[in-house]
Amino acid sequence: MAEYEVAVLYDQGLEIDLEKATAKVEKIIADNGGKITNTDNWGKRKLAYPIKGQDFAIYVFYTVELPGVAVQKINDTLNITDEVVRFLITKPDLKKIAKAEALKAEKAEKAAARSESHDSDDSETESEE
């Protein structure tokens, strides 16, 4: 099974009762042999351009493990699901993600080293006075 990211834009009218719509999408994924490993709900956001006469949608991102043959089935099913305004299924570039995480950790280490050296400089000037 491969890892995929599924971005789903739900109809803004579902903001009050989003649980039913998300359960429907999660069932579609599970019925096709997928396993949701992470869900990230961004909430209601403005769209870049109107879709079906709507200016807002509810953004939910899923990290999913799926067999390759299930992607097309999920794509076809989400295409006709009324609650879903737009969706996108992508395969993440794991090498780039790992590289970005390494750079982030390296920057954090440098920032920590700078703050430590800055703190030690302050303590030296206080002791000189």
N, C-alpha and C. Protein backbone atom coordinates (compact mmCIF):
# COMPACT_ATOMS: atom_id res chain seq x y z
N MET A 1 0.84 -1.18 0.00
CA MET A 1 0.00 0.00 0.00
C MET A 1 0.88 1.24 0.00
N ALA A 2 0.47 2.23 -0.76
CA ALA A 2 1.21 3.48 -0.89
C ALA A 2 0.51 4.58 -0.10
N GLU A 3 1.27 5.60 0.23
CA GLU A 3 0.72 6.73 0.98
C GLU A 3 0.26 7.81 0.01
N TYR A 4 -0.93 8.35 0.26
CA TYR A 4 -1.51 9.40 -0.57
C TYR A 4 -2.04 10.50 0.33
N GLU A 5 -2.16 11.70 -0.23
CA GLU A 5 -2.81 12.80 0.44
C GLU A 5 -4.08 13.12 -0.33
N VAL A 6 -5.19 13.23 0.40
CA VAL A 6 -6.48 13.53 -0.22
C VAL A 6 -6.96 14.85 0.35
N ALA A 7 -7.06 15.85 -0.50
CA ALA A 7 -7.59 17.16 -0.10
C ALA A 7 -9.04 17.22 -0.55
N VAL A 8 -9.93 17.52 0.38
CA VAL A 8 -11.35 17.56 0.07
C VAL A 8 -11.90 18.92 0.48
N LEU A 9 -12.61 19.57 -0.45
CA LEU A 9 -13.30 20.82 -0.15
C LEU A 9 -14.78 20.50 -0.05
N TYR A 10 -15.32 20.68 1.15
CA TYR A 10 -16.73 20.39 1.40
C TYR A 10 -17.57 21.64 1.18
N ASP A 11 -18.84 21.44 0.86
CA ASP A 11 -19.80 22.52 0.70
C ASP A 11 -19.86 23.33 2.00
N GLN A 12 -19.86 24.66 1.88
CA GLN A 12 -19.85 25.52 3.06
C GLN A 12 -21.12 25.38 3.91
N GLY A 13 -22.20 24.93 3.33
CA GLY A 13 -23.44 24.72 4.07
C GLY A 13 -23.36 23.57 5.06
N LEU A 14 -22.34 22.75 4.95
CA LEU A 14 -22.17 21.60 5.84
C LEU A 14 -21.39 21.94 7.11
N GLU A 15 -21.09 23.21 7.31
CA GLU A 15 -20.27 23.61 8.45
C GLU A 15 -20.88 23.15 9.78
N ILE A 16 -22.19 23.19 9.90
CA ILE A 16 -22.86 22.79 11.14
C ILE A 16 -22.84 21.28 11.31
N ASP A 17 -23.05 20.55 10.22
CA ASP A 17 -23.15 19.09 10.29
C ASP A 17 -22.08 18.43 9.42
N LEU A 18 -20.82 18.77 9.67
CA LEU A 18 -19.71 18.26 8.86
C LEU A 18 -19.41 16.80 9.14
N GLU A 19 -19.80 16.30 10.31
CA GLU A 19 -19.48 14.92 10.70
C GLU A 19 -20.05 13.90 9.71
N LYS A 20 -21.28 14.12 9.24
CA LYS A 20 -21.89 13.18 8.30
C LYS A 20 -21.11 13.13 6.99
N ALA A 21 -20.73 14.31 6.50
CA ALA A 21 -20.00 14.38 5.23
C ALA A 21 -18.61 13.74 5.36
N THR A 22 -17.91 14.02 6.45
CA THR A 22 -16.58 13.44 6.62
C THR A 22 -16.69 11.92 6.81
N ALA A 23 -17.73 11.49 7.51
CA ALA A 23 -17.93 10.04 7.70
C ALA A 23 -18.18 9.36 6.35
N LYS A 24 -18.90 10.05 5.48
CA LYS A 24 -19.18 9.49 4.15
C LYS A 24 -17.90 9.32 3.34
N VAL A 25 -17.03 10.34 3.36
CA VAL A 25 -15.76 10.28 2.63
C VAL A 25 -14.85 9.22 3.25
N GLU A 26 -14.80 9.17 4.58
CA GLU A 26 -13.98 8.17 5.25
C GLU A 26 -14.46 6.76 4.93
N LYS A 27 -15.78 6.58 4.79
CA LYS A 27 -16.34 5.28 4.43
C LYS A 27 -15.95 4.91 3.00
N ILE A 28 -15.96 5.89 2.11
CA ILE A 28 -15.56 5.65 0.71
C ILE A 28 -14.11 5.15 0.67
N ILE A 29 -13.26 5.79 1.45
CA ILE A 29 -11.84 5.41 1.50
C ILE A 29 -11.70 4.01 2.09
N ALA A 30 -12.38 3.75 3.20
CA ALA A 30 -12.29 2.44 3.86
C ALA A 30 -12.86 1.33 2.99
N ASP A 31 -13.96 1.58 2.29
CA ASP A 31 -14.57 0.56 1.42
C ASP A 31 -13.66 0.16 0.28
N ASN A 32 -12.74 1.03 -0.09
CA ASN A 32 -11.81 0.72 -1.17
C ASN A 32 -10.45 0.24 -0.67
N GLY A 33 -10.41 -0.20 0.59
CA GLY A 33 -9.19 -0.79 1.13
C GLY A 33 -8.20 0.20 1.68
N GLY A 34 -8.63 1.45 1.91
CA GLY A 34 -7.73 2.47 2.43
C GLY A 34 -7.78 2.57 3.94
N LYS A 35 -6.72 3.16 4.48
CA LYS A 35 -6.63 3.37 5.91
C LYS A 35 -6.19 4.82 6.14
N ILE A 36 -7.01 5.59 6.84
CA ILE A 36 -6.70 6.99 7.11
C ILE A 36 -5.74 7.05 8.29
N THR A 37 -4.57 7.65 8.06
CA THR A 37 -3.57 7.75 9.12
C THR A 37 -3.58 9.11 9.80
N ASN A 38 -4.07 10.15 9.11
CA ASN A 38 -4.10 11.48 9.70
C ASN A 38 -5.19 12.31 9.03
N THR A 39 -5.86 13.15 9.82
CA THR A 39 -6.87 14.06 9.30
C THR A 39 -6.55 15.45 9.80
N ASP A 40 -6.57 16.42 8.88
CA ASP A 40 -6.26 17.81 9.23
C ASP A 40 -7.39 18.70 8.71
N ASN A 41 -8.21 19.24 9.61
CA ASN A 41 -9.33 20.09 9.24
C ASN A 41 -8.90 21.54 9.35
N TRP A 42 -8.87 22.24 8.21
CA TRP A 42 -8.48 23.64 8.19
C TRP A 42 -9.67 24.57 8.43
N GLY A 43 -10.87 24.04 8.37
CA GLY A 43 -12.06 24.86 8.58
C GLY A 43 -12.49 25.58 7.31
N LYS A 44 -13.34 26.56 7.50
CA LYS A 44 -13.92 27.30 6.37
C LYS A 44 -12.93 28.35 5.88
N ARG A 45 -12.66 28.31 4.57
CA ARG A 45 -11.71 29.24 3.95
C ARG A 45 -12.31 29.80 2.65
N LYS A 46 -11.81 30.96 2.26
CA LYS A 46 -12.24 31.57 1.01
C LYS A 46 -11.56 30.87 -0.16
N LEU A 47 -12.32 30.61 -1.19
CA LEU A 47 -11.78 29.97 -2.39
C LEU A 47 -11.08 31.01 -3.26
N ALA A 48 -10.14 30.57 -4.06
CA ALA A 48 -9.43 31.47 -4.96
C ALA A 48 -10.35 32.01 -6.05
N TYR A 49 -11.34 31.21 -6.42
CA TYR A 49 -12.34 31.61 -7.41
C TYR A 49 -13.63 30.88 -7.07
N PRO A 50 -14.78 31.44 -7.47
CA PRO A 50 -16.06 30.79 -7.14
C PRO A 50 -16.19 29.42 -7.82
N ILE A 51 -16.67 28.45 -7.05
CA ILE A 51 -16.93 27.10 -7.57
C ILE A 51 -18.40 26.81 -7.30
N LYS A 52 -19.13 26.49 -8.33
CA LYS A 52 -20.57 26.22 -8.22
C LYS A 52 -21.29 27.35 -7.49
N GLY A 53 -20.87 28.60 -7.76
CA GLY A 53 -21.50 29.77 -7.17
C GLY A 53 -21.15 30.02 -5.72
N GLN A 54 -20.16 29.32 -5.19
CA GLN A 54 -19.77 29.48 -3.80
C GLN A 54 -18.39 30.13 -3.69
N ASP A 55 -18.25 31.01 -2.70
CA ASP A 55 -16.97 31.68 -2.47
C ASP A 55 -16.16 31.05 -1.34
N PHE A 56 -16.80 30.18 -0.54
CA PHE A 56 -16.15 29.55 0.60
C PHE A 56 -16.33 28.04 0.54
N ALA A 57 -15.41 27.32 1.20
CA ALA A 57 -15.52 25.87 1.33
C ALA A 57 -14.82 25.46 2.61
N ILE A 58 -15.10 24.25 3.07
CA ILE A 58 -14.46 23.71 4.26
C ILE A 58 -13.35 22.76 3.79
N TYR A 59 -12.12 23.07 4.17
CA TYR A 59 -10.95 22.31 3.74
C TYR A 59 -10.62 21.22 4.75
N VAL A 60 -10.54 19.98 4.28
CA VAL A 60 -10.12 18.86 5.11
C VAL A 60 -9.09 18.05 4.33
N PHE A 61 -7.96 17.76 4.97
CA PHE A 61 -6.89 17.00 4.34
C PHE A 61 -6.72 15.67 5.05
N TYR A 62 -6.63 14.61 4.27
CA TYR A 62 -6.45 13.26 4.81
C TYR A 62 -5.12 12.70 4.33
N THR A 63 -4.40 12.02 5.22
CA THR A 63 -3.24 11.23 4.83
C THR A 63 -3.72 9.79 4.86
N VAL A 64 -3.58 9.10 3.72
CA VAL A 64 -4.22 7.80 3.55
C VAL A 64 -3.24 6.78 3.00
N GLU A 65 -3.36 5.55 3.46
CA GLU A 65 -2.62 4.43 2.86
C GLU A 65 -3.61 3.66 2.00
N LEU A 66 -3.30 3.55 0.72
CA LEU A 66 -4.21 2.92 -0.25
C LEU A 66 -3.46 1.99 -1.18
N PRO A 67 -4.15 0.95 -1.64
CA PRO A 67 -3.59 0.20 -2.77
C PRO A 67 -3.74 1.06 -4.03
N GLY A 68 -2.83 0.93 -4.95
CA GLY A 68 -2.84 1.76 -6.16
C GLY A 68 -4.11 1.65 -6.99
N VAL A 69 -4.72 0.47 -7.02
CA VAL A 69 -5.92 0.28 -7.84
C VAL A 69 -7.13 1.01 -7.25
N ALA A 70 -7.10 1.36 -5.98
CA ALA A 70 -8.25 2.00 -5.33
C ALA A 70 -8.33 3.48 -5.63
N VAL A 71 -7.25 4.09 -6.08
CA VAL A 71 -7.23 5.53 -6.30
C VAL A 71 -8.27 5.93 -7.34
N GLN A 72 -8.34 5.22 -8.44
CA GLN A 72 -9.30 5.56 -9.49
C GLN A 72 -10.75 5.36 -9.00
N LYS A 73 -10.99 4.32 -8.22
CA LYS A 73 -12.34 4.08 -7.68
C LYS A 73 -12.75 5.21 -6.74
N ILE A 74 -11.84 5.63 -5.87
CA ILE A 74 -12.15 6.73 -4.96
C ILE A 74 -12.35 8.02 -5.73
N ASN A 75 -11.53 8.24 -6.73
CA ASN A 75 -11.65 9.42 -7.59
C ASN A 75 -13.04 9.47 -8.23
N ASP A 76 -13.47 8.36 -8.80
CA ASP A 76 -14.78 8.31 -9.45
C ASP A 76 -15.92 8.52 -8.46
N THR A 77 -15.81 7.95 -7.28
CA THR A 77 -16.86 8.07 -6.27
C THR A 77 -16.94 9.49 -5.72
N LEU A 78 -15.79 10.11 -5.42
CA LEU A 78 -15.81 11.48 -4.91
C LEU A 78 -16.33 12.46 -5.95
N ASN A 79 -16.13 12.12 -7.21
CA ASN A 79 -16.57 12.98 -8.31
C ASN A 79 -18.09 13.15 -8.31
N ILE A 80 -18.82 12.16 -7.85
CA ILE A 80 -20.28 12.24 -7.87
C ILE A 80 -20.88 12.43 -6.47
N THR A 81 -20.05 12.67 -5.47
CA THR A 81 -20.54 12.89 -4.11
C THR A 81 -20.98 14.35 -3.98
N ASP A 82 -22.24 14.55 -3.55
CA ASP A 82 -22.82 15.89 -3.49
C ASP A 82 -22.14 16.81 -2.48
N GLU A 83 -21.68 16.28 -1.36
CA GLU A 83 -21.09 17.10 -0.31
C GLU A 83 -19.73 17.66 -0.68
N VAL A 84 -19.08 17.04 -1.64
CA VAL A 84 -17.72 17.43 -2.03
C VAL A 84 -17.78 18.42 -3.19
N VAL A 85 -17.20 19.61 -2.96
CA VAL A 85 -17.15 20.63 -4.00
C VAL A 85 -15.98 20.35 -4.95
N ARG A 86 -14.81 20.11 -4.38
CA ARG A 86 -13.60 19.76 -5.13
C ARG A 86 -12.77 18.80 -4.29
N PHE A 87 -11.88 18.04 -4.95
CA PHE A 87 -10.97 17.15 -4.25
C PHE A 87 -9.73 16.95 -5.09
N LEU A 88 -8.67 16.51 -4.44
CA LEU A 88 -7.42 16.24 -5.14
C LEU A 88 -6.71 15.11 -4.41
N ILE A 89 -6.32 14.09 -5.15
CA ILE A 89 -5.58 12.96 -4.59
C ILE A 89 -4.16 13.03 -5.14
N THR A 90 -3.19 13.14 -4.24
CA THR A 90 -1.79 13.23 -4.66
C THR A 90 -0.94 12.23 -3.89
N LYS A 91 0.17 11.90 -4.48
CA LYS A 91 1.15 11.04 -3.82
C LYS A 91 2.28 11.95 -3.35
N PRO A 92 2.52 12.03 -2.02
CA PRO A 92 3.54 12.96 -1.53
C PRO A 92 4.95 12.51 -1.91
N ASP A 93 5.83 13.50 -2.11
CA ASP A 93 7.23 13.23 -2.39
C ASP A 93 7.95 13.08 -1.05
N LEU A 94 8.10 11.85 -0.60
CA LEU A 94 8.64 11.58 0.73
C LEU A 94 10.09 12.05 0.88
N LYS A 95 10.86 12.03 -0.21
CA LYS A 95 12.25 12.49 -0.14
C LYS A 95 12.30 13.99 0.15
N LYS A 96 11.44 14.76 -0.53
CA LYS A 96 11.42 16.21 -0.30
C LYS A 96 10.92 16.53 1.10
N ILE A 97 9.95 15.77 1.59
CA ILE A 97 9.44 15.99 2.95
C ILE A 97 10.54 15.73 3.97
N ALA A 98 11.29 14.66 3.79
CA ALA A 98 12.38 14.33 4.71
C ALA A 98 13.46 15.41 4.67
N LYS A 99 13.77 15.91 3.47
CA LYS A 99 14.76 16.96 3.31
C LYS A 99 14.29 18.25 4.00
N ALA A 100 13.02 18.59 3.85
CA ALA A 100 12.47 19.78 4.49
C ALA A 100 12.51 19.66 6.01
N GLU A 101 12.20 18.48 6.53
CA GLU A 101 12.26 18.26 7.98
C GLU A 101 13.69 18.39 8.49
N ALA A 102 14.66 17.89 7.73
CA ALA A 102 16.06 17.99 8.13
C ALA A 102 16.52 19.45 8.15
N LEU A 103 16.12 20.22 7.14
CA LEU A 103 16.47 21.64 7.11
C LEU A 103 15.83 22.39 8.27
N LYS A 104 14.60 22.04 8.58
CA LYS A 104 13.89 22.68 9.68
C LYS A 104 14.61 22.40 11.01
N ALA A 105 15.03 21.15 11.21
CA ALA A 105 15.75 20.79 12.43
C ALA A 105 17.09 21.51 12.50
N GLU A 106 17.76 21.63 11.36
CA GLU A 106 19.06 22.31 11.31
C GLU A 106 18.91 23.79 11.66
N LYS A 107 17.87 24.43 11.13
CA LYS A 107 17.63 25.84 11.44
C LYS A 107 17.30 26.02 12.92
N ALA A 108 16.56 25.09 13.49
CA ALA A 108 16.22 25.17 14.91
C ALA A 108 17.47 25.05 15.77
N GLU A 109 18.39 24.15 15.38
CA GLU A 109 19.65 23.99 16.11
C GLU A 109 20.49 25.27 16.05
N LYS A 110 20.57 25.88 14.85
CA LYS A 110 21.33 27.12 14.69
C LYS A 110 20.72 28.24 15.51
N ALA A 111 19.39 28.32 15.53
CA ALA A 111 18.71 29.36 16.31
C ALA A 111 18.96 29.16 17.80
N ALA A 112 18.94 27.90 18.24
CA ALA A 112 19.21 27.61 19.65
C ALA A 112 20.65 27.97 20.01
N ALA A 113 21.59 27.67 19.12
CA ALA A 113 22.99 27.99 19.36
C ALA A 113 23.19 29.50 19.41
N ARG A 114 22.50 30.24 18.53
CA ARG A 114 22.60 31.70 18.54
C ARG A 114 22.06 32.28 19.84
N SER A 115 20.93 31.77 20.28
CA SER A 115 20.33 32.30 21.51
C SER A 115 21.21 31.97 22.72
N GLU A 116 21.85 30.80 22.73
CA GLU A 116 22.75 30.45 23.82
C GLU A 116 23.97 31.35 23.84
N SER A 117 24.53 31.63 22.66
CA SER A 117 25.71 32.49 22.60
C SER A 117 25.33 33.92 22.95
N HIS A 118 24.14 34.33 22.58
CA HIS A 118 23.67 35.67 22.91
C HIS A 118 23.46 35.79 24.42
N ASP A 119 22.93 34.75 25.05
CA ASP A 119 22.74 34.74 26.49
C ASP A 119 24.07 34.79 27.23
N SER A 120 25.06 34.06 26.73
CA SER A 120 26.37 34.05 27.40
C SER A 120 27.05 35.40 27.23
N ASP A 121 26.85 36.10 26.11
CA ASP A 121 27.40 37.44 25.91
C ASP A 121 26.80 38.42 26.91
N ASP A 122 25.50 38.31 27.16
CA ASP A 122 24.82 39.17 28.12
C ASP A 122 25.36 38.95 29.52
N SER A 123 25.59 37.71 29.91
CA SER A 123 26.08 37.41 31.25
C SER A 123 27.52 37.91 31.43
N GLU A 124 28.33 37.89 30.38
CA GLU A 124 29.70 38.39 30.47
C GLU A 124 29.72 39.89 30.66
N THR A 125 28.84 40.62 29.97
CA THR A 125 28.82 42.08 30.10
C THR A 125 28.30 42.46 31.47
N GLU A 126 27.41 41.70 32.04
CA GLU A 126 26.91 42.00 33.37
C GLU A 126 28.01 41.77 34.42
N SER A 127 28.83 40.74 34.25
CA SER A 127 29.90 40.45 35.21
C SER A 127 31.02 41.49 35.10
N GLU A 128 31.23 42.09 33.94
CA GLU A 128 32.26 43.09 33.76
C GLU A 128 31.89 44.39 34.45
N GLU A 129 30.63 44.69 34.55
CA GLU A 129 30.17 45.94 35.14
C GLU A 129 30.27 45.87 36.59
